[in-house]
Amino acid sequence: MTKTSRFNYIKRGLVGVCAATMLTGLCAGTAFGATVTPGVNNGAIGADNTASTVVSAQVDGQLSATVPTSLTVAVKSDDGSLVFPEDKKLYIENTSSAYAVHVVSIEATTGTLLNAESAYPSSSAANAAWLKIGTTAADQDLSTKLTVADSNWDVPSSGKLNLKFAGAVKNVSSFDSFTLTTLTWTIGGGLYPAV
């Protein structure tokens, strides 16, 4: 009768674990690969001994961009105008090196009800505010959903789009910080207009 030492059992166990790990590594697919699968179709050459090959590119539909996720502004005590961070600190960044993106829409979804700048002086509501945004000047009103209809909101691959803000608030209800608004961004793939 052969005596098996504890060490032999440990060795067998280790070999089994190593084999299982190797098989898992060989059989596992990539976790973050592209969702597009390349393919090819073959066809016969025509009667004139020529043929054409249509080469199509399918882009993985994952957009990769960043937008400002929080923005703290100061309120001037003399006129209620909002002071935003300096230029070039507010931007949208396209973190993809393969394709461009563009802003489709921006909407103020929660917080203070924003007024159009022209209606702001007559508003008596608490925390009455107006807010505008733009890329070269803050000239787009955010009191209603802004649907972008020009190429000024394109962000090239690996590029940044600087943002400009302007606004004011009055009848402030608190001397603590409060949520003025939350902006919801919709980003689309490609340059405007999206193809």
N, C-alpha and C. Protein backbone atom coordinates (compact mmCIF):
# COMPACT_ATOMS: atom_id res chain seq x y z
N MET A 1 0.83 -1.14 0.00
CA MET A 1 0.00 0.00 0.00
C MET A 1 0.90 1.23 0.00
N THR A 2 0.59 2.11 -0.91
CA THR A 2 1.41 3.30 -1.06
C THR A 2 0.83 4.44 -0.24
N LYS A 3 1.68 5.08 0.44
CA LYS A 3 1.24 6.19 1.25
C LYS A 3 1.38 7.48 0.43
N THR A 4 0.28 8.26 0.35
CA THR A 4 0.32 9.53 -0.39
C THR A 4 0.43 10.65 0.62
N SER A 5 1.40 11.48 0.40
CA SER A 5 1.62 12.58 1.35
C SER A 5 0.64 13.74 1.07
N ARG A 6 0.51 14.55 2.04
CA ARG A 6 -0.33 15.72 1.90
C ARG A 6 0.17 16.63 0.79
N PHE A 7 1.45 16.69 0.63
CA PHE A 7 2.06 17.53 -0.39
C PHE A 7 1.59 17.11 -1.78
N ASN A 8 1.47 15.79 -2.04
CA ASN A 8 0.99 15.32 -3.35
C ASN A 8 -0.44 15.80 -3.60
N TYR A 9 -1.29 15.78 -2.59
CA TYR A 9 -2.66 16.27 -2.77
C TYR A 9 -2.65 17.77 -3.10
N ILE A 10 -1.81 18.50 -2.45
CA ILE A 10 -1.72 19.93 -2.71
C ILE A 10 -1.24 20.18 -4.13
N LYS A 11 -0.22 19.38 -4.57
CA LYS A 11 0.27 19.53 -5.94
C LYS A 11 -0.84 19.25 -6.94
N ARG A 12 -1.61 18.19 -6.74
CA ARG A 12 -2.72 17.85 -7.66
C ARG A 12 -3.74 18.98 -7.69
N GLY A 13 -4.03 19.52 -6.54
CA GLY A 13 -4.99 20.63 -6.47
C GLY A 13 -4.51 21.85 -7.23
N LEU A 14 -3.22 22.16 -7.06
CA LEU A 14 -2.65 23.31 -7.76
C LEU A 14 -2.65 23.10 -9.26
N VAL A 15 -2.32 21.89 -9.71
CA VAL A 15 -2.34 21.59 -11.14
C VAL A 15 -3.76 21.76 -11.68
N GLY A 16 -4.74 21.29 -10.94
CA GLY A 16 -6.14 21.43 -11.38
C GLY A 16 -6.57 22.89 -11.47
N VAL A 17 -6.18 23.69 -10.49
CA VAL A 17 -6.51 25.11 -10.51
C VAL A 17 -5.83 25.80 -11.68
N CYS A 18 -4.56 25.46 -11.90
CA CYS A 18 -3.83 26.07 -13.02
C CYS A 18 -4.46 25.68 -14.35
N ALA A 19 -4.85 24.43 -14.51
CA ALA A 19 -5.48 23.98 -15.76
C ALA A 19 -6.81 24.71 -15.96
N ALA A 20 -7.59 24.84 -14.91
CA ALA A 20 -8.88 25.53 -15.03
C ALA A 20 -8.67 27.00 -15.40
N THR A 21 -7.66 27.63 -14.81
CA THR A 21 -7.36 29.02 -15.11
C THR A 21 -6.94 29.17 -16.56
N MET A 22 -6.11 28.28 -17.07
CA MET A 22 -5.67 28.35 -18.45
C MET A 22 -6.85 28.18 -19.40
N LEU A 23 -7.74 27.20 -19.11
CA LEU A 23 -8.89 26.99 -19.97
C LEU A 23 -9.80 28.21 -19.96
N THR A 24 -10.01 28.78 -18.80
CA THR A 24 -10.84 29.97 -18.72
C THR A 24 -10.24 31.09 -19.54
N GLY A 25 -8.95 31.28 -19.46
CA GLY A 25 -8.28 32.32 -20.23
C GLY A 25 -8.38 32.07 -21.72
N LEU A 26 -8.30 30.81 -22.13
CA LEU A 26 -8.37 30.50 -23.56
C LEU A 26 -9.79 30.63 -24.08
N CYS A 27 -10.78 30.33 -23.28
CA CYS A 27 -12.16 30.31 -23.75
C CYS A 27 -12.86 31.65 -23.58
N ALA A 28 -12.35 32.50 -22.72
CA ALA A 28 -13.05 33.75 -22.44
C ALA A 28 -12.94 34.71 -23.60
N GLY A 29 -14.03 35.45 -23.87
CA GLY A 29 -14.01 36.48 -24.91
C GLY A 29 -13.54 37.79 -24.32
N THR A 30 -13.33 38.77 -25.18
CA THR A 30 -12.91 40.06 -24.68
C THR A 30 -14.08 40.75 -24.00
N ALA A 31 -13.82 41.38 -22.90
CA ALA A 31 -14.88 42.01 -22.13
C ALA A 31 -15.32 43.34 -22.73
N PHE A 32 -14.40 44.06 -23.35
CA PHE A 32 -14.73 45.39 -23.83
C PHE A 32 -14.42 45.54 -25.31
N GLY A 33 -14.63 44.51 -26.08
CA GLY A 33 -14.36 44.58 -27.52
C GLY A 33 -15.45 45.32 -28.25
N ALA A 34 -15.21 45.61 -29.51
CA ALA A 34 -16.20 46.28 -30.35
C ALA A 34 -17.41 45.38 -30.54
N THR A 35 -18.57 46.00 -30.69
CA THR A 35 -19.79 45.23 -30.89
C THR A 35 -20.04 44.96 -32.37
N VAL A 36 -19.23 45.51 -33.23
CA VAL A 36 -19.37 45.30 -34.67
C VAL A 36 -18.47 44.15 -35.08
N THR A 37 -19.03 43.22 -35.85
CA THR A 37 -18.25 42.07 -36.31
C THR A 37 -17.93 42.25 -37.79
N PRO A 38 -16.64 42.29 -38.14
CA PRO A 38 -16.27 42.41 -39.55
C PRO A 38 -16.75 41.20 -40.33
N GLY A 39 -17.04 41.39 -41.58
CA GLY A 39 -17.49 40.27 -42.40
C GLY A 39 -17.18 40.52 -43.86
N VAL A 40 -17.40 39.48 -44.65
CA VAL A 40 -17.15 39.59 -46.09
C VAL A 40 -18.15 38.71 -46.82
N ASN A 41 -18.57 39.16 -47.97
CA ASN A 41 -19.39 38.36 -48.88
C ASN A 41 -18.67 38.29 -50.20
N ASN A 42 -18.60 37.12 -50.78
CA ASN A 42 -17.94 36.95 -52.08
C ASN A 42 -18.98 36.78 -53.17
N GLY A 43 -18.64 37.25 -54.34
CA GLY A 43 -19.53 37.10 -55.49
C GLY A 43 -18.71 36.79 -56.73
N ALA A 44 -19.39 36.38 -57.74
CA ALA A 44 -18.72 35.99 -58.99
C ALA A 44 -18.33 37.22 -59.79
N ILE A 45 -17.29 37.06 -60.60
CA ILE A 45 -16.88 38.11 -61.53
C ILE A 45 -17.89 38.14 -62.66
N GLY A 46 -18.21 39.35 -63.13
CA GLY A 46 -19.22 39.52 -64.17
C GLY A 46 -18.76 39.02 -65.53
N ALA A 47 -19.66 39.11 -66.49
CA ALA A 47 -19.39 38.63 -67.85
C ALA A 47 -18.26 39.40 -68.51
N ASP A 48 -18.06 40.65 -68.09
CA ASP A 48 -16.98 41.46 -68.67
C ASP A 48 -15.67 41.29 -67.91
N ASN A 49 -15.60 40.26 -67.06
CA ASN A 49 -14.41 39.94 -66.28
C ASN A 49 -14.03 41.02 -65.27
N THR A 50 -15.00 41.78 -64.76
CA THR A 50 -14.75 42.77 -63.73
C THR A 50 -15.70 42.53 -62.57
N ALA A 51 -15.35 43.08 -61.44
CA ALA A 51 -16.20 43.01 -60.25
C ALA A 51 -15.91 44.22 -59.39
N SER A 52 -16.84 44.56 -58.53
CA SER A 52 -16.67 45.69 -57.61
C SER A 52 -16.74 45.18 -56.18
N THR A 53 -16.02 45.85 -55.32
CA THR A 53 -16.07 45.54 -53.90
C THR A 53 -16.52 46.80 -53.17
N VAL A 54 -17.65 46.71 -52.48
CA VAL A 54 -18.13 47.83 -51.67
C VAL A 54 -17.55 47.64 -50.27
N VAL A 55 -16.80 48.60 -49.82
CA VAL A 55 -16.20 48.55 -48.49
C VAL A 55 -17.02 49.46 -47.57
N SER A 56 -17.65 48.88 -46.56
CA SER A 56 -18.47 49.64 -45.62
C SER A 56 -17.80 49.64 -44.26
N ALA A 57 -17.95 50.74 -43.54
CA ALA A 57 -17.41 50.82 -42.19
C ALA A 57 -18.58 50.91 -41.22
N GLN A 58 -18.61 50.00 -40.26
CA GLN A 58 -19.59 50.05 -39.19
C GLN A 58 -18.88 50.49 -37.93
N VAL A 59 -19.42 51.53 -37.32
CA VAL A 59 -18.80 52.09 -36.12
C VAL A 59 -19.48 51.53 -34.89
N ASP A 60 -18.70 51.13 -33.92
CA ASP A 60 -19.24 50.72 -32.63
C ASP A 60 -20.04 51.89 -32.07
N GLY A 61 -21.27 51.67 -31.71
CA GLY A 61 -22.18 52.73 -31.32
C GLY A 61 -21.92 53.36 -29.96
N GLN A 62 -20.82 53.08 -29.30
CA GLN A 62 -20.54 53.67 -28.00
C GLN A 62 -19.90 55.04 -28.17
N LEU A 63 -20.63 56.09 -27.81
CA LEU A 63 -20.04 57.43 -27.82
C LEU A 63 -19.17 57.58 -26.58
N SER A 64 -18.15 58.36 -26.72
CA SER A 64 -17.25 58.57 -25.59
C SER A 64 -16.95 60.06 -25.48
N ALA A 65 -17.67 60.72 -24.58
CA ALA A 65 -17.50 62.16 -24.42
C ALA A 65 -17.77 62.53 -22.97
N THR A 66 -17.28 63.69 -22.58
CA THR A 66 -17.54 64.18 -21.23
C THR A 66 -18.19 65.55 -21.32
N VAL A 67 -19.06 65.84 -20.36
CA VAL A 67 -19.70 67.16 -20.25
C VAL A 67 -19.49 67.63 -18.81
N PRO A 68 -19.64 68.94 -18.55
CA PRO A 68 -19.52 69.39 -17.16
C PRO A 68 -20.58 68.70 -16.29
N THR A 69 -20.18 68.08 -15.20
CA THR A 69 -21.14 67.38 -14.34
C THR A 69 -21.56 68.21 -13.14
N SER A 70 -20.77 69.20 -12.79
CA SER A 70 -21.18 70.14 -11.75
C SER A 70 -20.57 71.49 -12.07
N LEU A 71 -21.29 72.51 -11.73
CA LEU A 71 -20.85 73.86 -12.06
C LEU A 71 -21.32 74.78 -10.94
N THR A 72 -20.39 75.38 -10.23
CA THR A 72 -20.72 76.31 -9.17
C THR A 72 -20.47 77.72 -9.68
N VAL A 73 -21.49 78.56 -9.56
CA VAL A 73 -21.37 79.95 -10.01
C VAL A 73 -21.55 80.87 -8.80
N ALA A 74 -21.00 82.06 -8.91
CA ALA A 74 -21.16 83.07 -7.87
C ALA A 74 -22.26 84.04 -8.31
N VAL A 75 -22.99 84.58 -7.35
CA VAL A 75 -24.03 85.56 -7.63
C VAL A 75 -23.53 86.93 -7.15
N LYS A 76 -23.46 87.88 -8.08
CA LYS A 76 -23.04 89.23 -7.71
C LYS A 76 -24.15 89.88 -6.88
N SER A 77 -23.76 90.52 -5.79
CA SER A 77 -24.75 91.10 -4.89
C SER A 77 -25.39 92.38 -5.46
N ASP A 78 -24.72 93.08 -6.37
CA ASP A 78 -25.28 94.34 -6.87
C ASP A 78 -26.37 94.15 -7.92
N ASP A 79 -26.23 93.16 -8.81
CA ASP A 79 -27.24 93.01 -9.87
C ASP A 79 -27.71 91.57 -10.08
N GLY A 80 -27.19 90.63 -9.31
CA GLY A 80 -27.62 89.23 -9.43
C GLY A 80 -27.04 88.48 -10.60
N SER A 81 -26.13 89.12 -11.34
CA SER A 81 -25.54 88.40 -12.48
C SER A 81 -24.69 87.25 -11.98
N LEU A 82 -24.63 86.21 -12.78
CA LEU A 82 -23.89 85.00 -12.41
C LEU A 82 -22.47 85.08 -12.93
N VAL A 83 -21.53 84.69 -12.10
CA VAL A 83 -20.12 84.68 -12.48
C VAL A 83 -19.72 83.21 -12.66
N PHE A 84 -19.30 82.89 -13.89
CA PHE A 84 -18.95 81.51 -14.25
C PHE A 84 -17.44 81.33 -14.21
N PRO A 85 -16.96 80.09 -14.14
CA PRO A 85 -15.51 79.86 -14.22
C PRO A 85 -14.94 80.46 -15.51
N GLU A 86 -13.66 80.76 -15.48
CA GLU A 86 -13.03 81.40 -16.63
C GLU A 86 -13.13 80.55 -17.89
N ASP A 87 -12.98 81.23 -19.02
CA ASP A 87 -13.04 80.56 -20.32
C ASP A 87 -12.09 79.37 -20.36
N LYS A 88 -12.42 78.41 -21.12
CA LYS A 88 -11.66 77.18 -21.39
C LYS A 88 -11.67 76.21 -20.22
N LYS A 89 -12.39 76.52 -19.15
CA LYS A 89 -12.56 75.54 -18.08
C LYS A 89 -13.88 74.81 -18.23
N LEU A 90 -14.78 75.38 -19.01
CA LEU A 90 -16.08 74.76 -19.29
C LEU A 90 -16.05 74.24 -20.71
N TYR A 91 -16.14 72.94 -20.87
CA TYR A 91 -16.06 72.38 -22.21
C TYR A 91 -16.69 70.99 -22.26
N ILE A 92 -16.97 70.57 -23.49
CA ILE A 92 -17.35 69.19 -23.77
C ILE A 92 -16.13 68.58 -24.43
N GLU A 93 -15.76 67.39 -23.99
CA GLU A 93 -14.59 66.73 -24.56
C GLU A 93 -14.99 65.42 -25.22
N ASN A 94 -14.56 65.25 -26.46
CA ASN A 94 -14.76 64.00 -27.17
C ASN A 94 -13.55 63.12 -26.87
N THR A 95 -13.75 62.06 -26.12
CA THR A 95 -12.62 61.21 -25.72
C THR A 95 -12.38 60.08 -26.70
N SER A 96 -13.07 60.08 -27.82
CA SER A 96 -12.83 59.07 -28.86
C SER A 96 -11.85 59.62 -29.88
N SER A 97 -10.92 58.80 -30.29
CA SER A 97 -9.99 59.23 -31.34
C SER A 97 -10.45 58.76 -32.71
N ALA A 98 -11.58 58.05 -32.78
CA ALA A 98 -12.03 57.49 -34.05
C ALA A 98 -13.09 58.33 -34.76
N TYR A 99 -13.92 59.05 -34.02
CA TYR A 99 -15.02 59.75 -34.68
C TYR A 99 -15.41 61.01 -33.92
N ALA A 100 -16.08 61.90 -34.65
CA ALA A 100 -16.56 63.15 -34.08
C ALA A 100 -17.92 62.93 -33.41
N VAL A 101 -18.30 63.86 -32.55
CA VAL A 101 -19.63 63.86 -31.94
C VAL A 101 -20.18 65.28 -32.05
N HIS A 102 -21.48 65.43 -31.80
CA HIS A 102 -22.08 66.76 -31.78
C HIS A 102 -23.17 66.81 -30.72
N VAL A 103 -23.44 68.01 -30.24
CA VAL A 103 -24.51 68.21 -29.26
C VAL A 103 -25.82 68.24 -30.03
N VAL A 104 -26.77 67.41 -29.60
CA VAL A 104 -28.09 67.36 -30.22
C VAL A 104 -29.03 68.32 -29.51
N SER A 105 -29.02 68.28 -28.17
CA SER A 105 -29.90 69.17 -27.41
C SER A 105 -29.37 69.37 -26.00
N ILE A 106 -29.85 70.45 -25.38
CA ILE A 106 -29.55 70.77 -23.98
C ILE A 106 -30.87 71.21 -23.36
N GLU A 107 -31.17 70.66 -22.20
CA GLU A 107 -32.43 71.02 -21.57
C GLU A 107 -32.24 71.22 -20.07
N ALA A 108 -32.79 72.32 -19.56
CA ALA A 108 -32.81 72.57 -18.13
C ALA A 108 -33.97 71.77 -17.55
N THR A 109 -33.66 70.73 -16.76
CA THR A 109 -34.70 69.78 -16.37
C THR A 109 -35.19 69.90 -14.94
N THR A 110 -34.37 70.38 -14.04
CA THR A 110 -34.81 70.50 -12.64
C THR A 110 -34.27 71.79 -12.05
N GLY A 111 -34.74 72.13 -10.89
CA GLY A 111 -34.26 73.32 -10.22
C GLY A 111 -35.19 74.49 -10.47
N THR A 112 -34.64 75.68 -10.52
CA THR A 112 -35.40 76.90 -10.72
C THR A 112 -36.01 76.91 -12.12
N LEU A 113 -37.23 77.41 -12.23
CA LEU A 113 -37.84 77.60 -13.53
C LEU A 113 -37.13 78.77 -14.20
N LEU A 114 -36.47 78.51 -15.32
CA LEU A 114 -35.71 79.57 -15.99
C LEU A 114 -36.64 80.42 -16.84
N ASN A 115 -36.39 81.71 -16.82
CA ASN A 115 -37.12 82.67 -17.65
C ASN A 115 -36.31 82.96 -18.90
N ALA A 116 -36.98 83.40 -19.93
CA ALA A 116 -36.27 84.01 -21.05
C ALA A 116 -35.68 85.31 -20.51
N GLU A 117 -34.56 85.73 -21.05
CA GLU A 117 -33.91 86.95 -20.53
C GLU A 117 -34.86 88.14 -20.62
N SER A 118 -35.68 88.21 -21.67
CA SER A 118 -36.60 89.34 -21.84
C SER A 118 -37.71 89.34 -20.79
N ALA A 119 -38.10 88.15 -20.28
CA ALA A 119 -39.18 88.07 -19.28
C ALA A 119 -38.65 88.18 -17.86
N TYR A 120 -37.35 88.09 -17.69
CA TYR A 120 -36.73 88.09 -16.36
C TYR A 120 -37.03 89.34 -15.54
N PRO A 121 -36.95 90.55 -16.11
CA PRO A 121 -37.18 91.74 -15.28
C PRO A 121 -38.56 91.78 -14.62
N SER A 122 -39.56 91.21 -15.25
CA SER A 122 -40.92 91.28 -14.68
C SER A 122 -41.25 90.11 -13.76
N SER A 123 -40.34 89.15 -13.64
CA SER A 123 -40.62 87.98 -12.80
C SER A 123 -40.45 88.32 -11.33
N SER A 124 -41.43 87.90 -10.52
CA SER A 124 -41.34 88.15 -9.08
C SER A 124 -41.16 86.84 -8.30
N ALA A 125 -40.94 85.74 -9.01
CA ALA A 125 -40.78 84.44 -8.36
C ALA A 125 -39.48 84.38 -7.57
N ALA A 126 -39.48 83.55 -6.53
CA ALA A 126 -38.25 83.32 -5.77
C ALA A 126 -37.24 82.63 -6.68
N ASN A 127 -36.00 83.07 -6.60
CA ASN A 127 -34.91 82.52 -7.40
C ASN A 127 -35.18 82.62 -8.90
N ALA A 128 -35.88 83.66 -9.32
CA ALA A 128 -36.12 83.87 -10.75
C ALA A 128 -34.76 83.99 -11.44
N ALA A 129 -34.61 83.33 -12.57
CA ALA A 129 -33.30 83.32 -13.22
C ALA A 129 -33.46 83.23 -14.73
N TRP A 130 -32.43 83.66 -15.42
CA TRP A 130 -32.29 83.38 -16.85
C TRP A 130 -30.89 82.81 -17.07
N LEU A 131 -30.76 82.00 -18.10
CA LEU A 131 -29.49 81.34 -18.37
C LEU A 131 -29.35 81.15 -19.86
N LYS A 132 -28.18 81.49 -20.37
CA LYS A 132 -27.87 81.28 -21.80
C LYS A 132 -26.55 80.53 -21.91
N ILE A 133 -26.40 79.86 -23.05
CA ILE A 133 -25.19 79.09 -23.33
C ILE A 133 -24.82 79.28 -24.79
N GLY A 134 -23.57 79.06 -25.10
CA GLY A 134 -23.12 79.11 -26.49
C GLY A 134 -21.71 78.58 -26.59
N THR A 135 -21.20 78.58 -27.82
CA THR A 135 -19.84 78.09 -28.03
C THR A 135 -18.87 79.24 -28.29
N THR A 136 -19.33 80.32 -28.89
CA THR A 136 -18.48 81.49 -29.08
C THR A 136 -18.97 82.66 -28.24
N ALA A 137 -20.28 82.69 -27.98
CA ALA A 137 -20.90 83.68 -27.09
C ALA A 137 -22.11 83.02 -26.45
N ALA A 138 -22.46 83.45 -25.27
CA ALA A 138 -23.62 82.87 -24.58
C ALA A 138 -24.88 83.48 -25.18
N ASP A 139 -25.34 82.91 -26.30
CA ASP A 139 -26.45 83.51 -27.04
C ASP A 139 -27.65 82.57 -27.25
N GLN A 140 -27.61 81.38 -26.65
CA GLN A 140 -28.71 80.42 -26.81
C GLN A 140 -29.48 80.32 -25.50
N ASP A 141 -30.77 80.64 -25.56
CA ASP A 141 -31.64 80.67 -24.39
C ASP A 141 -31.91 79.26 -23.88
N LEU A 142 -31.83 79.07 -22.56
CA LEU A 142 -32.10 77.77 -21.95
C LEU A 142 -33.42 77.72 -21.18
N SER A 143 -34.30 78.72 -21.39
CA SER A 143 -35.59 78.68 -20.71
C SER A 143 -36.49 77.61 -21.32
N THR A 144 -36.18 77.19 -22.54
CA THR A 144 -36.86 76.05 -23.18
C THR A 144 -35.77 75.12 -23.70
N LYS A 145 -36.16 73.91 -24.05
CA LYS A 145 -35.19 72.94 -24.56
C LYS A 145 -34.51 73.51 -25.79
N LEU A 146 -33.20 73.48 -25.79
CA LEU A 146 -32.41 73.97 -26.91
C LEU A 146 -32.09 72.78 -27.82
N THR A 147 -32.65 72.79 -29.01
CA THR A 147 -32.32 71.78 -30.01
C THR A 147 -31.32 72.41 -30.95
N VAL A 148 -30.13 71.85 -31.01
CA VAL A 148 -29.04 72.42 -31.78
C VAL A 148 -29.27 72.16 -33.26
N ALA A 149 -29.11 73.21 -34.05
CA ALA A 149 -29.35 73.08 -35.48
C ALA A 149 -28.22 73.69 -36.30
N ASP A 150 -27.00 73.56 -35.83
CA ASP A 150 -25.88 74.04 -36.62
C ASP A 150 -24.59 73.32 -36.22
N SER A 151 -23.57 73.53 -37.01
CA SER A 151 -22.31 72.81 -36.78
C SER A 151 -21.43 73.46 -35.72
N ASN A 152 -21.89 74.54 -35.10
CA ASN A 152 -21.11 75.17 -34.02
C ASN A 152 -20.96 74.26 -32.81
N TRP A 153 -21.76 73.20 -32.74
CA TRP A 153 -21.75 72.31 -31.60
C TRP A 153 -21.06 70.98 -31.92
N ASP A 154 -20.30 70.92 -33.02
CA ASP A 154 -19.52 69.72 -33.36
C ASP A 154 -18.28 69.64 -32.49
N VAL A 155 -17.92 68.42 -32.11
CA VAL A 155 -16.70 68.19 -31.33
C VAL A 155 -15.86 67.18 -32.11
N PRO A 156 -14.72 67.60 -32.65
CA PRO A 156 -13.91 66.67 -33.44
C PRO A 156 -13.34 65.54 -32.59
N SER A 157 -12.89 64.49 -33.24
CA SER A 157 -12.30 63.37 -32.51
C SER A 157 -11.14 63.89 -31.66
N SER A 158 -11.07 63.41 -30.43
CA SER A 158 -10.06 63.81 -29.45
C SER A 158 -10.02 65.33 -29.24
N GLY A 159 -11.16 66.00 -29.42
CA GLY A 159 -11.18 67.46 -29.32
C GLY A 159 -12.06 67.96 -28.19
N LYS A 160 -12.03 69.26 -28.00
CA LYS A 160 -12.83 69.93 -26.97
C LYS A 160 -13.66 71.02 -27.62
N LEU A 161 -14.82 71.25 -27.04
CA LEU A 161 -15.70 72.34 -27.46
C LEU A 161 -15.90 73.24 -26.25
N ASN A 162 -15.33 74.44 -26.31
CA ASN A 162 -15.45 75.37 -25.19
C ASN A 162 -16.86 75.93 -25.11
N LEU A 163 -17.33 76.13 -23.89
CA LEU A 163 -18.69 76.62 -23.64
C LEU A 163 -18.64 77.98 -22.97
N LYS A 164 -19.61 78.82 -23.32
CA LYS A 164 -19.78 80.13 -22.69
C LYS A 164 -21.16 80.15 -22.03
N PHE A 165 -21.24 80.67 -20.83
CA PHE A 165 -22.50 80.80 -20.10
C PHE A 165 -22.69 82.25 -19.69
N ALA A 166 -23.95 82.64 -19.56
CA ALA A 166 -24.30 83.94 -18.99
C ALA A 166 -25.65 83.77 -18.31
N GLY A 167 -25.92 84.60 -17.30
CA GLY A 167 -27.21 84.51 -16.63
C GLY A 167 -27.27 85.41 -15.43
N ALA A 168 -28.43 85.40 -14.79
CA ALA A 168 -28.64 86.19 -13.58
C ALA A 168 -29.75 85.54 -12.77
N VAL A 169 -29.78 85.88 -11.48
CA VAL A 169 -30.82 85.38 -10.58
C VAL A 169 -31.22 86.53 -9.66
N LYS A 170 -32.51 86.55 -9.27
CA LYS A 170 -32.97 87.58 -8.32
C LYS A 170 -33.98 86.96 -7.36
N ASN A 171 -34.35 87.70 -6.36
CA ASN A 171 -35.28 87.23 -5.33
C ASN A 171 -34.76 85.94 -4.69
N VAL A 172 -33.46 85.94 -4.41
CA VAL A 172 -32.81 84.76 -3.86
C VAL A 172 -33.45 84.40 -2.52
N SER A 173 -33.82 83.14 -2.38
CA SER A 173 -34.55 82.71 -1.19
C SER A 173 -33.64 82.17 -0.09
N SER A 174 -32.36 82.02 -0.39
CA SER A 174 -31.46 81.43 0.61
C SER A 174 -30.06 82.01 0.44
N PHE A 175 -29.37 82.18 1.54
CA PHE A 175 -27.99 82.62 1.46
C PHE A 175 -27.03 81.43 1.46
N ASP A 176 -27.59 80.23 1.46
CA ASP A 176 -26.79 79.02 1.28
C ASP A 176 -26.80 78.69 -0.21
N SER A 177 -26.06 77.70 -0.59
CA SER A 177 -26.09 77.31 -1.99
C SER A 177 -27.41 76.59 -2.28
N PHE A 178 -27.87 76.68 -3.50
CA PHE A 178 -29.09 76.00 -3.92
C PHE A 178 -28.92 75.58 -5.38
N THR A 179 -29.72 74.64 -5.81
CA THR A 179 -29.64 74.16 -7.20
C THR A 179 -30.39 75.14 -8.09
N LEU A 180 -29.64 75.78 -8.95
CA LEU A 180 -30.25 76.70 -9.91
C LEU A 180 -30.97 75.91 -10.99
N THR A 181 -30.30 74.94 -11.57
CA THR A 181 -30.90 74.07 -12.58
C THR A 181 -30.01 72.87 -12.80
N THR A 182 -30.55 71.87 -13.46
CA THR A 182 -29.77 70.72 -13.92
C THR A 182 -29.90 70.66 -15.43
N LEU A 183 -28.79 70.61 -16.12
CA LEU A 183 -28.81 70.55 -17.58
C LEU A 183 -28.68 69.10 -18.02
N THR A 184 -29.55 68.70 -18.93
CA THR A 184 -29.48 67.36 -19.52
C THR A 184 -28.96 67.51 -20.96
N TRP A 185 -27.86 66.83 -21.23
CA TRP A 185 -27.20 66.91 -22.54
C TRP A 185 -27.55 65.68 -23.36
N THR A 186 -27.82 65.86 -24.64
CA THR A 186 -27.96 64.74 -25.57
C THR A 186 -26.86 64.91 -26.61
N ILE A 187 -26.03 63.88 -26.74
CA ILE A 187 -24.88 63.90 -27.65
C ILE A 187 -25.13 62.88 -28.76
N GLY A 188 -24.81 63.24 -30.00
CA GLY A 188 -24.97 62.32 -31.12
C GLY A 188 -23.62 62.04 -31.79
N GLY A 189 -23.56 60.93 -32.48
CA GLY A 189 -22.34 60.56 -33.19
C GLY A 189 -22.22 61.29 -34.50
N GLY A 190 -21.00 61.59 -34.90
CA GLY A 190 -20.75 62.26 -36.18
C GLY A 190 -20.91 63.75 -36.08
N LEU A 191 -20.71 64.42 -37.21
CA LEU A 191 -20.85 65.86 -37.28
C LEU A 191 -22.29 66.23 -37.62
N TYR A 192 -22.72 67.45 -37.28
CA TYR A 192 -24.06 67.90 -37.62
C TYR A 192 -24.10 68.22 -39.12
N PRO A 193 -25.16 67.90 -39.87
CA PRO A 193 -26.26 67.07 -39.43
C PRO A 193 -25.84 65.61 -39.44
N ALA A 194 -26.37 64.86 -38.46
CA ALA A 194 -26.01 63.44 -38.35
C ALA A 194 -26.51 62.70 -39.58
N VAL A 195 -25.67 61.85 -40.10
CA VAL A 195 -26.03 61.08 -41.29
C VAL A 195 -26.68 59.79 -40.89
